[in-house]
Amino acid sequence: ICIEDLVHEIATCGPNFKQASSALWPFKLSNPTGGW
């Protein structure tokens, strides 16, 4: 029901990990600081 629940489900790989991961849009990240 909240973001901390979502973080906990992902961090502990809980029983609803698949649903929690699928509910998140793929993360769009920047190039790392200092480059590859």
Full PDB file with SEQRES, HELIX, SHEET, SSBOND, CRYST1, ORIGX, SCALE, CONECT and MASTER records, all heavy atoms in Angstrom:
SEQRES   1 A   36  ILE CYS ILE GLU ASP LEU VAL HIS GLU ILE ALA THR CYS          
SEQRES   2 A   36  GLY PRO ASN PHE LYS GLN ALA SER SER ALA LEU TRP PRO          
SEQRES   3 A   36  PHE LYS LEU SER ASN PRO THR GLY GLY TRP                      
HELIX    1 AA1 ILE A    3  ALA A   11  1                                   9    
HELIX    2 AA2 PHE A   17  ALA A   23  1                                   7    
CRYST1    1.000    1.000    1.000  90.00  90.00  90.00 P 1           1          
ORIGX1      1.000000  0.000000  0.000000        0.00000                         
ORIGX2      0.000000  1.000000  0.000000        0.00000                         
ORIGX3      0.000000  0.000000  1.000000        0.00000                         
SCALE1      1.000000  0.000000  0.000000        0.00000                         
SCALE2      0.000000  1.000000  0.000000        0.00000                         
SCALE3      0.000000  0.000000  1.000000        0.00000                         
ATOM      1  N   ILE A   1       0.805  -1.224   0.000  1.00  0.00           N  
ATOM      2  CA  ILE A   1       0.000   0.000   0.000  1.00  0.00           C  
ATOM      3  C   ILE A   1       0.839   1.274   0.000  1.00  0.00           C  
ATOM      4  O   ILE A   1       0.282   2.364  -0.068  1.00  0.00           O  
ATOM      5  CB  ILE A   1      -0.958   0.020   1.215  1.00  0.00           C  
ATOM      6  CG1 ILE A   1      -0.160  -0.029   2.519  1.00  0.00           C  
ATOM      7  CG2 ILE A   1      -1.953  -1.126   1.136  1.00  0.00           C  
ATOM      8  CD1 ILE A   1      -1.002   0.169   3.765  1.00  0.00           C  
ATOM      9  N   CYS A   2       2.158   1.141   0.084  1.00  0.00           N  
ATOM     10  CA  CYS A   2       3.006   2.335   0.103  1.00  0.00           C  
ATOM     11  C   CYS A   2       4.364   2.013  -0.520  1.00  0.00           C  
ATOM     12  O   CYS A   2       4.666   0.851  -0.814  1.00  0.00           O  
ATOM     13  CB  CYS A   2       3.170   2.883   1.520  1.00  0.00           C  
ATOM     14  SG  CYS A   2       4.019   1.742   2.629  1.00  0.00           S  
ATOM     15  N   ILE A   3       5.179   3.047  -0.697  1.00  0.00           N  
ATOM     16  CA  ILE A   3       6.480   2.865  -1.344  1.00  0.00           C  
ATOM     17  C   ILE A   3       7.397   1.994  -0.493  1.00  0.00           C  
ATOM     18  O   ILE A   3       8.160   1.177  -1.028  1.00  0.00           O  
ATOM     19  CB  ILE A   3       7.127   4.237  -1.628  1.00  0.00           C  
ATOM     20  CG1 ILE A   3       6.286   5.010  -2.653  1.00  0.00           C  
ATOM     21  CG2 ILE A   3       8.552   4.079  -2.144  1.00  0.00           C  
ATOM     22  CD1 ILE A   3       6.858   6.344  -3.054  1.00  0.00           C  
ATOM     23  N   GLU A   4       7.332   2.131   0.835  1.00  0.00           N  
ATOM     24  CA  GLU A   4       8.181   1.300   1.695  1.00  0.00           C  
ATOM     25  C   GLU A   4       7.807  -0.174   1.567  1.00  0.00           C  
ATOM     26  O   GLU A   4       8.681  -1.045   1.636  1.00  0.00           O  
ATOM     27  CB  GLU A   4       8.072   1.752   3.154  1.00  0.00           C  
ATOM     28  CG  GLU A   4       8.918   2.959   3.491  1.00  0.00           C  
ATOM     29  CD  GLU A   4      10.396   2.730   3.225  1.00  0.00           C  
ATOM     30  OE1 GLU A   4      10.910   1.637   3.512  1.00  0.00           O  
ATOM     31  OE2 GLU A   4      11.053   3.654   2.716  1.00  0.00           O  
ATOM     32  N   ASP A   5       6.512  -0.470   1.382  1.00  0.00           N  
ATOM     33  CA  ASP A   5       6.105  -1.851   1.118  1.00  0.00           C  
ATOM     34  C   ASP A   5       6.729  -2.355  -0.176  1.00  0.00           C  
ATOM     35  O   ASP A   5       7.187  -3.497  -0.263  1.00  0.00           O  
ATOM     36  CB  ASP A   5       4.571  -1.939   1.004  1.00  0.00           C  
ATOM     37  CG  ASP A   5       3.884  -1.842   2.348  1.00  0.00           C  
ATOM     38  OD1 ASP A   5       4.567  -2.001   3.371  1.00  0.00           O  
ATOM     39  OD2 ASP A   5       2.664  -1.600   2.370  1.00  0.00           O  
ATOM     40  N   LEU A   6       6.731  -1.492  -1.185  1.00  0.00           N  
ATOM     41  CA  LEU A   6       7.294  -1.855  -2.490  1.00  0.00           C  
ATOM     42  C   LEU A   6       8.795  -2.117  -2.379  1.00  0.00           C  
ATOM     43  O   LEU A   6       9.312  -3.111  -2.914  1.00  0.00           O  
ATOM     44  CB  LEU A   6       7.014  -0.726  -3.486  1.00  0.00           C  
ATOM     45  CG  LEU A   6       7.464  -0.937  -4.932  1.00  0.00           C  
ATOM     46  CD1 LEU A   6       6.758  -2.124  -5.550  1.00  0.00           C  
ATOM     47  CD2 LEU A   6       7.208   0.321  -5.752  1.00  0.00           C  
ATOM     48  N   VAL A   7       9.508  -1.235  -1.672  1.00  0.00           N  
ATOM     49  CA  VAL A   7      10.954  -1.410  -1.474  1.00  0.00           C  
ATOM     50  C   VAL A   7      11.237  -2.706  -0.717  1.00  0.00           C  
ATOM     51  O   VAL A   7      12.142  -3.471  -1.081  1.00  0.00           O  
ATOM     52  CB  VAL A   7      11.537  -0.195  -0.713  1.00  0.00           C  
ATOM     53  CG1 VAL A   7      12.978  -0.465  -0.288  1.00  0.00           C  
ATOM     54  CG2 VAL A   7      11.469   1.057  -1.569  1.00  0.00           C  
ATOM     55  N   HIS A   8      10.442  -2.976   0.314  1.00  0.00           N  
ATOM     56  CA  HIS A   8      10.637  -4.187   1.110  1.00  0.00           C  
ATOM     57  C   HIS A   8      10.392  -5.437   0.271  1.00  0.00           C  
ATOM     58  O   HIS A   8      11.141  -6.429   0.378  1.00  0.00           O  
ATOM     59  CB  HIS A   8       9.693  -4.163   2.325  1.00  0.00           C  
ATOM     60  CG  HIS A   8       9.789  -5.371   3.195  1.00  0.00           C  
ATOM     61  ND1 HIS A   8       8.927  -6.444   3.077  1.00  0.00           N  
ATOM     62  CD2 HIS A   8      10.649  -5.692   4.201  1.00  0.00           C  
ATOM     63  CE1 HIS A   8       9.244  -7.364   3.963  1.00  0.00           C  
ATOM     64  NE2 HIS A   8      10.284  -6.936   4.659  1.00  0.00           N  
ATOM     65  N   GLU A   9       9.363  -5.411  -0.552  1.00  0.00           N  
ATOM     66  CA  GLU A   9       9.039  -6.578  -1.386  1.00  0.00           C  
ATOM     67  C   GLU A   9      10.169  -6.883  -2.365  1.00  0.00           C  
ATOM     68  O   GLU A   9      10.517  -8.045  -2.604  1.00  0.00           O  
ATOM     69  CB  GLU A   9       7.733  -6.318  -2.156  1.00  0.00           C  
ATOM     70  CG  GLU A   9       7.126  -7.544  -2.808  1.00  0.00           C  
ATOM     71  CD  GLU A   9       6.550  -8.534  -1.817  1.00  0.00           C  
ATOM     72  OE1 GLU A   9       6.246  -8.119  -0.675  1.00  0.00           O  
ATOM     73  OE2 GLU A   9       6.407  -9.710  -2.176  1.00  0.00           O  
ATOM     74  N   ILE A  10      10.776  -5.831  -2.925  1.00  0.00           N  
ATOM     75  CA  ILE A  10      11.869  -6.024  -3.881  1.00  0.00           C  
ATOM     76  C   ILE A  10      13.146  -6.444  -3.158  1.00  0.00           C  
ATOM     77  O   ILE A  10      13.847  -7.369  -3.589  1.00  0.00           O  
ATOM     78  CB  ILE A  10      12.097  -4.732  -4.689  1.00  0.00           C  
ATOM     79  CG1 ILE A  10      10.904  -4.472  -5.611  1.00  0.00           C  
ATOM     80  CG2 ILE A  10      13.378  -4.823  -5.516  1.00  0.00           C  
ATOM     81  CD1 ILE A  10      10.922  -3.131  -6.291  1.00  0.00           C  
ATOM     82  N   ALA A  11      13.452  -5.788  -2.041  1.00  0.00           N  
ATOM     83  CA  ALA A  11      14.699  -6.062  -1.321  1.00  0.00           C  
ATOM     84  C   ALA A  11      14.737  -7.483  -0.764  1.00  0.00           C  
ATOM     85  O   ALA A  11      15.796  -8.120  -0.754  1.00  0.00           O  
ATOM     86  CB  ALA A  11      14.879  -5.047  -0.194  1.00  0.00           C  
ATOM     87  N   THR A  12      13.581  -7.990  -0.308  1.00  0.00           N  
ATOM     88  CA  THR A  12      13.534  -9.320   0.292  1.00  0.00           C  
ATOM     89  C   THR A  12      13.082 -10.393  -0.697  1.00  0.00           C  
ATOM     90  O   THR A  12      13.016 -11.568  -0.334  1.00  0.00           O  
ATOM     91  CB  THR A  12      12.574  -9.326   1.495  1.00  0.00           C  
ATOM     92  OG1 THR A  12      11.254  -8.941   1.051  1.00  0.00           O  
ATOM     93  CG2 THR A  12      13.048  -8.358   2.562  1.00  0.00           C  
ATOM     94  N   CYS A  13      12.780  -9.979  -1.929  1.00  0.00           N  
ATOM     95  CA  CYS A  13      12.267 -10.910  -2.951  1.00  0.00           C  
ATOM     96  C   CYS A  13      11.064 -11.678  -2.392  1.00  0.00           C  
ATOM     97  O   CYS A  13      11.043 -12.906  -2.329  1.00  0.00           O  
ATOM     98  CB  CYS A  13      13.350 -11.878  -3.416  1.00  0.00           C  
ATOM     99  SG  CYS A  13      12.932 -12.770  -4.939  1.00  0.00           S  
ATOM    100  N   GLY A  14      10.052 -10.930  -1.979  1.00  0.00           N  
ATOM    101  CA  GLY A  14       8.874 -11.508  -1.351  1.00  0.00           C  
ATOM    102  C   GLY A  14       8.011 -12.301  -2.316  1.00  0.00           C  
ATOM    103  O   GLY A  14       8.303 -12.413  -3.511  1.00  0.00           O  
ATOM    104  N   PRO A  15       6.912 -12.864  -1.816  1.00  0.00           N  
ATOM    105  CA  PRO A  15       6.037 -13.701  -2.659  1.00  0.00           C  
ATOM    106  C   PRO A  15       5.380 -12.949  -3.811  1.00  0.00           C  
ATOM    107  O   PRO A  15       4.987 -13.563  -4.808  1.00  0.00           O  
ATOM    108  CB  PRO A  15       4.978 -14.220  -1.675  1.00  0.00           C  
ATOM    109  CG  PRO A  15       5.024 -13.267  -0.520  1.00  0.00           C  
ATOM    110  CD  PRO A  15       6.435 -12.788  -0.430  1.00  0.00           C  
ATOM    111  N   ASN A  16       5.246 -11.616  -3.680  1.00  0.00           N  
ATOM    112  CA  ASN A  16       4.626 -10.816  -4.742  1.00  0.00           C  
ATOM    113  C   ASN A  16       5.663  -9.987  -5.501  1.00  0.00           C  
ATOM    114  O   ASN A  16       5.351  -8.915  -6.015  1.00  0.00           O  
ATOM    115  CB  ASN A  16       3.558  -9.895  -4.140  1.00  0.00           C  
ATOM    116  CG  ASN A  16       2.448 -10.672  -3.465  1.00  0.00           C  
ATOM    117  OD1 ASN A  16       1.880 -11.599  -4.030  1.00  0.00           O  
ATOM    118  ND2 ASN A  16       2.151 -10.315  -2.223  1.00  0.00           N  
ATOM    119  N   PHE A  17       6.901 -10.522  -5.566  1.00  0.00           N  
ATOM    120  CA  PHE A  17       7.973  -9.786  -6.249  1.00  0.00           C  
ATOM    121  C   PHE A  17       7.637  -9.552  -7.721  1.00  0.00           C  
ATOM    122  O   PHE A  17       7.874  -8.458  -8.259  1.00  0.00           O  
ATOM    123  CB  PHE A  17       9.283 -10.563  -6.142  1.00  0.00           C  
ATOM    124  CG  PHE A  17      10.407  -9.966  -6.946  1.00  0.00           C  
ATOM    125  CD1 PHE A  17      11.179  -8.937  -6.425  1.00  0.00           C  
ATOM    126  CD2 PHE A  17      10.682 -10.411  -8.234  1.00  0.00           C  
ATOM    127  CE1 PHE A  17      12.205  -8.375  -7.164  1.00  0.00           C  
ATOM    128  CE2 PHE A  17      11.706  -9.853  -8.976  1.00  0.00           C  
ATOM    129  CZ  PHE A  17      12.464  -8.837  -8.446  1.00  0.00           C  
ATOM    130  N   LYS A  18       7.085 -10.547  -8.385  1.00  0.00           N  
ATOM    131  CA  LYS A  18       6.782 -10.424  -9.815  1.00  0.00           C  
ATOM    132  C   LYS A  18       5.804  -9.277 -10.068  1.00  0.00           C  
ATOM    133  O   LYS A  18       6.002  -8.457 -10.976  1.00  0.00           O  
ATOM    134  CB  LYS A  18       6.207 -11.731 -10.348  1.00  0.00           C  
ATOM    135  CG  LYS A  18       5.904 -11.717 -11.835  1.00  0.00           C  
ATOM    136  CD  LYS A  18       5.343 -13.043 -12.298  1.00  0.00           C  
ATOM    137  CE  LYS A  18       5.000 -13.000 -13.787  1.00  0.00           C  
ATOM    138  NZ  LYS A  18       4.406 -14.288 -14.245  1.00  0.00           N  
ATOM    139  N   GLN A  19       4.731  -9.220  -9.261  1.00  0.00           N  
ATOM    140  CA  GLN A  19       3.738  -8.156  -9.426  1.00  0.00           C  
ATOM    141  C   GLN A  19       4.338  -6.783  -9.095  1.00  0.00           C  
ATOM    142  O   GLN A  19       4.071  -5.800  -9.791  1.00  0.00           O  
ATOM    143  CB  GLN A  19       2.526  -8.412  -8.523  1.00  0.00           C  
ATOM    144  CG  GLN A  19       1.659  -9.594  -8.939  1.00  0.00           C  
ATOM    145  CD  GLN A  19       2.205 -10.933  -8.501  1.00  0.00           C  
ATOM    146  OE1 GLN A  19       3.241 -10.998  -7.851  1.00  0.00           O  
ATOM    147  NE2 GLN A  19       1.526 -12.010  -8.854  1.00  0.00           N  
ATOM    148  N   ALA A  20       5.176  -6.729  -8.043  1.00  0.00           N  
ATOM    149  CA  ALA A  20       5.786  -5.454  -7.656  1.00  0.00           C  
ATOM    150  C   ALA A  20       6.741  -4.955  -8.734  1.00  0.00           C  
ATOM    151  O   ALA A  20       6.752  -3.761  -9.067  1.00  0.00           O  
ATOM    152  CB  ALA A  20       6.534  -5.623  -6.328  1.00  0.00           C  
ATOM    153  N   SER A  21       7.543  -5.862  -9.285  1.00  0.00           N  
ATOM    154  CA  SER A  21       8.494  -5.470 -10.321  1.00  0.00           C  
ATOM    155  C   SER A  21       7.782  -5.067 -11.607  1.00  0.00           C  
ATOM    156  O   SER A  21       8.163  -4.094 -12.271  1.00  0.00           O  
ATOM    157  CB  SER A  21       9.459  -6.622 -10.594  1.00  0.00           C  
ATOM    158  OG  SER A  21      10.363  -6.292 -11.616  1.00  0.00           O  
ATOM    159  N   SER A  22       6.721  -5.798 -11.958  1.00  0.00           N  
ATOM    160  CA  SER A  22       5.975  -5.497 -13.192  1.00  0.00           C  
ATOM    161  C   SER A  22       5.220  -4.176 -13.089  1.00  0.00           C  
ATOM    162  O   SER A  22       4.956  -3.534 -14.108  1.00  0.00           O  
ATOM    163  CB  SER A  22       4.989  -6.630 -13.507  1.00  0.00           C  
ATOM    164  OG  SER A  22       5.670  -7.851 -13.675  1.00  0.00           O  
ATOM    165  N   ALA A  23       4.853  -3.781 -11.869  1.00  0.00           N  
ATOM    166  CA  ALA A  23       4.116  -2.522 -11.695  1.00  0.00           C  
ATOM    167  C   ALA A  23       5.009  -1.309 -11.908  1.00  0.00           C  
ATOM    168  O   ALA A  23       4.505  -0.200 -12.107  1.00  0.00           O  
ATOM    169  CB  ALA A  23       3.501  -2.471 -10.299  1.00  0.00           C  
ATOM    170  N   LEU A  24       6.329  -1.512 -11.862  1.00  0.00           N  
ATOM    171  CA  LEU A  24       7.264  -0.409 -12.082  1.00  0.00           C  
ATOM    172  C   LEU A  24       7.648  -0.338 -13.552  1.00  0.00           C  
ATOM    173  O   LEU A  24       7.964  -1.355 -14.174  1.00  0.00           O  
ATOM    174  CB  LEU A  24       8.531  -0.608 -11.234  1.00  0.00           C  
ATOM    175  CG  LEU A  24       8.395  -0.411  -9.727  1.00  0.00           C  
ATOM    176  CD1 LEU A  24       9.670  -0.860  -9.040  1.00  0.00           C  
ATOM    177  CD2 LEU A  24       8.092   1.037  -9.399  1.00  0.00           C  
ATOM    178  N   TRP A  25       7.623   0.867 -14.091  1.00  0.00           N  
ATOM    179  CA  TRP A  25       8.120   1.076 -15.456  1.00  0.00           C  
ATOM    180  C   TRP A  25       9.644   0.880 -15.432  1.00  0.00           C  
ATOM    181  O   TRP A  25      10.292   1.240 -14.447  1.00  0.00           O  
ATOM    182  CB  TRP A  25       7.782   2.494 -15.900  1.00  0.00           C  
ATOM    183  CG  TRP A  25       7.905   2.713 -17.377  1.00  0.00           C  
ATOM    184  CD1 TRP A  25       9.036   3.020 -18.068  1.00  0.00           C  
ATOM    185  CD2 TRP A  25       6.846   2.648 -18.350  1.00  0.00           C  
ATOM    186  NE1 TRP A  25       8.758   3.147 -19.404  1.00  0.00           N  
ATOM    187  CE2 TRP A  25       7.425   2.922 -19.604  1.00  0.00           C  
ATOM    188  CE3 TRP A  25       5.486   2.386 -18.275  1.00  0.00           C  
ATOM    189  CZ2 TRP A  25       6.688   2.946 -20.789  1.00  0.00           C  
ATOM    190  CZ3 TRP A  25       4.744   2.407 -19.435  1.00  0.00           C  
ATOM    191  CH2 TRP A  25       5.332   2.682 -20.677  1.00  0.00           C  
ATOM    192  N   PRO A  26      10.236   0.286 -16.493  1.00  0.00           N  
ATOM    193  CA  PRO A  26      11.700   0.146 -16.500  1.00  0.00           C  
ATOM    194  C   PRO A  26      12.392   1.481 -16.209  1.00  0.00           C  
ATOM    195  O   PRO A  26      12.039   2.512 -16.773  1.00  0.00           O  
ATOM    196  CB  PRO A  26      12.001  -0.343 -17.921  1.00  0.00           C  
ATOM    197  CG  PRO A  26      10.762  -1.071 -18.330  1.00  0.00           C  
ATOM    198  CD  PRO A  26       9.626  -0.335 -17.689  1.00  0.00           C  
ATOM    199  N   PHE A  27      13.363   1.447 -15.322  1.00  0.00           N  
ATOM    200  CA  PHE A  27      14.046   2.674 -14.892  1.00  0.00           C  
ATOM    201  C   PHE A  27      14.850   3.265 -16.049  1.00  0.00           C  
ATOM    202  O   PHE A  27      15.581   2.551 -16.741  1.00  0.00           O  
ATOM    203  CB  PHE A  27      14.982   2.375 -13.722  1.00  0.00           C  
ATOM    204  CG  PHE A  27      14.278   1.902 -12.489  1.00  0.00           C  
ATOM    205  CD1 PHE A  27      14.110   0.552 -12.243  1.00  0.00           C  
ATOM    206  CD2 PHE A  27      13.771   2.812 -11.568  1.00  0.00           C  
ATOM    207  CE1 PHE A  27      13.448   0.111 -11.109  1.00  0.00           C  
ATOM    208  CE2 PHE A  27      13.111   2.383 -10.430  1.00  0.00           C  
ATOM    209  CZ  PHE A  27      12.949   1.025 -10.205  1.00  0.00           C  
ATOM    210  N   LYS A  28      14.710   4.580 -16.240  1.00  0.00           N  
ATOM    211  CA  LYS A  28      15.496   5.287 -17.250  1.00  0.00           C  
ATOM    212  C   LYS A  28      16.616   6.030 -16.530  1.00  0.00           C  
ATOM    213  O   LYS A  28      16.375   7.044 -15.878  1.00  0.00           O  
ATOM    214  CB  LYS A  28      14.608   6.261 -18.033  1.00  0.00           C  
ATOM    215  CG  LYS A  28      13.553   5.566 -18.883  1.00  0.00           C  
ATOM    216  CD  LYS A  28      12.787   6.549 -19.750  1.00  0.00           C  
ATOM    217  CE  LYS A  28      11.795   5.827 -20.649  1.00  0.00           C  
ATOM    218  NZ  LYS A  28      11.094   6.757 -21.560  1.00  0.00           N  
ATOM    219  N   LEU A  29      17.837   5.516 -16.659  1.00  0.00           N  
ATOM    220  CA  LEU A  29      18.965   6.041 -15.908  1.00  0.00           C  
ATOM    221  C   LEU A  29      19.878   6.891 -16.795  1.00  0.00           C  
ATOM    222  O   LEU A  29      19.835   6.795 -18.026  1.00  0.00           O  
ATOM    223  CB  LEU A  29      19.763   4.884 -15.299  1.00  0.00           C  
ATOM    224  CG  LEU A  29      18.957   3.925 -14.416  1.00  0.00           C  
ATOM    225  CD1 LEU A  29      19.820   2.760 -13.977  1.00  0.00           C  
ATOM    226  CD2 LEU A  29      18.377   4.640 -13.210  1.00  0.00           C  
ATOM    227  N   SER A  30      20.709   7.697 -16.158  1.00  0.00           N  
ATOM    228  CA  SER A  30      21.691   8.513 -16.866  1.00  0.00           C  
ATOM    229  C   SER A  30      22.988   7.721 -17.010  1.00  0.00           C  
ATOM    230  O   SER A  30      23.185   6.680 -16.376  1.00  0.00           O  
ATOM    231  CB  SER A  30      21.963   9.801 -16.101  1.00  0.00           C  
ATOM    232  OG  SER A  30      20.754  10.487 -15.813  1.00  0.00           O  
ATOM    233  N   ASN A  31      23.895   8.237 -17.841  1.00  0.00           N  
ATOM    234  CA  ASN A  31      25.235   7.660 -17.880  1.00  0.00           C  
ATOM    235  C   ASN A  31      25.901   7.877 -16.526  1.00  0.00           C  
ATOM    236  O   ASN A  31      25.658   8.886 -15.863  1.00  0.00           O  
ATOM    237  CB  ASN A  31      26.070   8.317 -18.978  1.00  0.00           C  
ATOM    238  CG  ASN A  31      25.708   7.785 -20.351  1.00  0.00           C  
ATOM    239  OD1 ASN A  31      25.364   6.618 -20.515  1.00  0.00           O  
ATOM    240  ND2 ASN A  31      25.777   8.652 -21.348  1.00  0.00           N  
ATOM    241  N   PRO A  32      26.734   6.936 -16.089  1.00  0.00           N  
ATOM    242  CA  PRO A  32      27.347   7.089 -14.751  1.00  0.00           C  
ATOM    243  C   PRO A  32      28.242   8.310 -14.667  1.00  0.00           C  
ATOM    244  O   PRO A  32      28.836   8.735 -15.667  1.00  0.00           O  
ATOM    245  CB  PRO A  32      28.144   5.794 -14.585  1.00  0.00           C  
ATOM    246  CG  PRO A  32      28.366   5.288 -15.960  1.00  0.00           C  
ATOM    247  CD  PRO A  32      27.176   5.712 -16.761  1.00  0.00           C  
ATOM    248  N   THR A  33      28.328   8.872 -13.475  1.00  0.00           N  
ATOM    249  CA  THR A  33      29.214  10.013 -13.233  1.00  0.00           C  
ATOM    250  C   THR A  33      30.652   9.617 -13.568  1.00  0.00           C  
ATOM    251  O   THR A  33      31.157   8.619 -13.059  1.00  0.00           O  
ATOM    252  CB  THR A  33      29.140  10.448 -11.763  1.00  0.00           C  
ATOM    253  OG1 THR A  33      27.773  10.686 -11.425  1.00  0.00           O  
ATOM    254  CG2 THR A  33      29.950  11.704 -11.530  1.00  0.00           C  
ATOM    255  N   GLY A  34      31.297  10.384 -14.435  1.00  0.00           N  
ATOM    256  CA  GLY A  34      32.645  10.036 -14.859  1.00  0.00           C  
ATOM    257  C   GLY A  34      32.686   9.181 -16.103  1.00  0.00           C  
ATOM    258  O   GLY A  34      33.753   8.941 -16.665  1.00  0.00           O  
ATOM    259  N   GLY A  35      31.507   8.728 -16.571  1.00  0.00           N  
ATOM    260  CA  GLY A  35      31.432   7.961 -17.807  1.00  0.00           C  
ATOM    261  C   GLY A  35      31.729   6.483 -17.616  1.00  0.00           C  
ATOM    262  O   GLY A  35      32.105   6.020 -16.544  1.00  0.00           O  
ATOM    263  N   TRP A  36      31.534   5.723 -18.701  1.00  0.00           N  
ATOM    264  CA  TRP A  36      31.830   4.300 -18.708  1.00  0.00           C  
ATOM    265  C   TRP A  36      33.338   4.087 -18.862  1.00  0.00           C  
ATOM    266  O   TRP A  36      34.086   4.998 -19.201  1.00  0.00           O  
ATOM    267  CB  TRP A  36      31.096   3.609 -19.862  1.00  0.00           C  
ATOM    268  CG  TRP A  36      29.618   3.694 -19.785  1.00  0.00           C  
ATOM    269  CD1 TRP A  36      28.803   4.515 -20.493  1.00  0.00           C  
ATOM    270  CD2 TRP A  36      28.745   2.916 -18.953  1.00  0.00           C  
ATOM    271  NE1 TRP A  36      27.489   4.313 -20.156  1.00  0.00           N  
ATOM    272  CE2 TRP A  36      27.421   3.339 -19.216  1.00  0.00           C  
ATOM    273  CE3 TRP A  36      28.954   1.907 -18.010  1.00  0.00           C  
ATOM    274  CZ2 TRP A  36      26.328   2.789 -18.583  1.00  0.00           C  
ATOM    275  CZ3 TRP A  36      27.853   1.350 -17.374  1.00  0.00           C  
ATOM    276  CH2 TRP A  36      26.560   1.795 -17.656  1.00  0.00           C  
TER     277      TRP A  36                                                      
MASTER        0    0    0    2    0    0    0    6  276    1    0    3          
END                                                                             
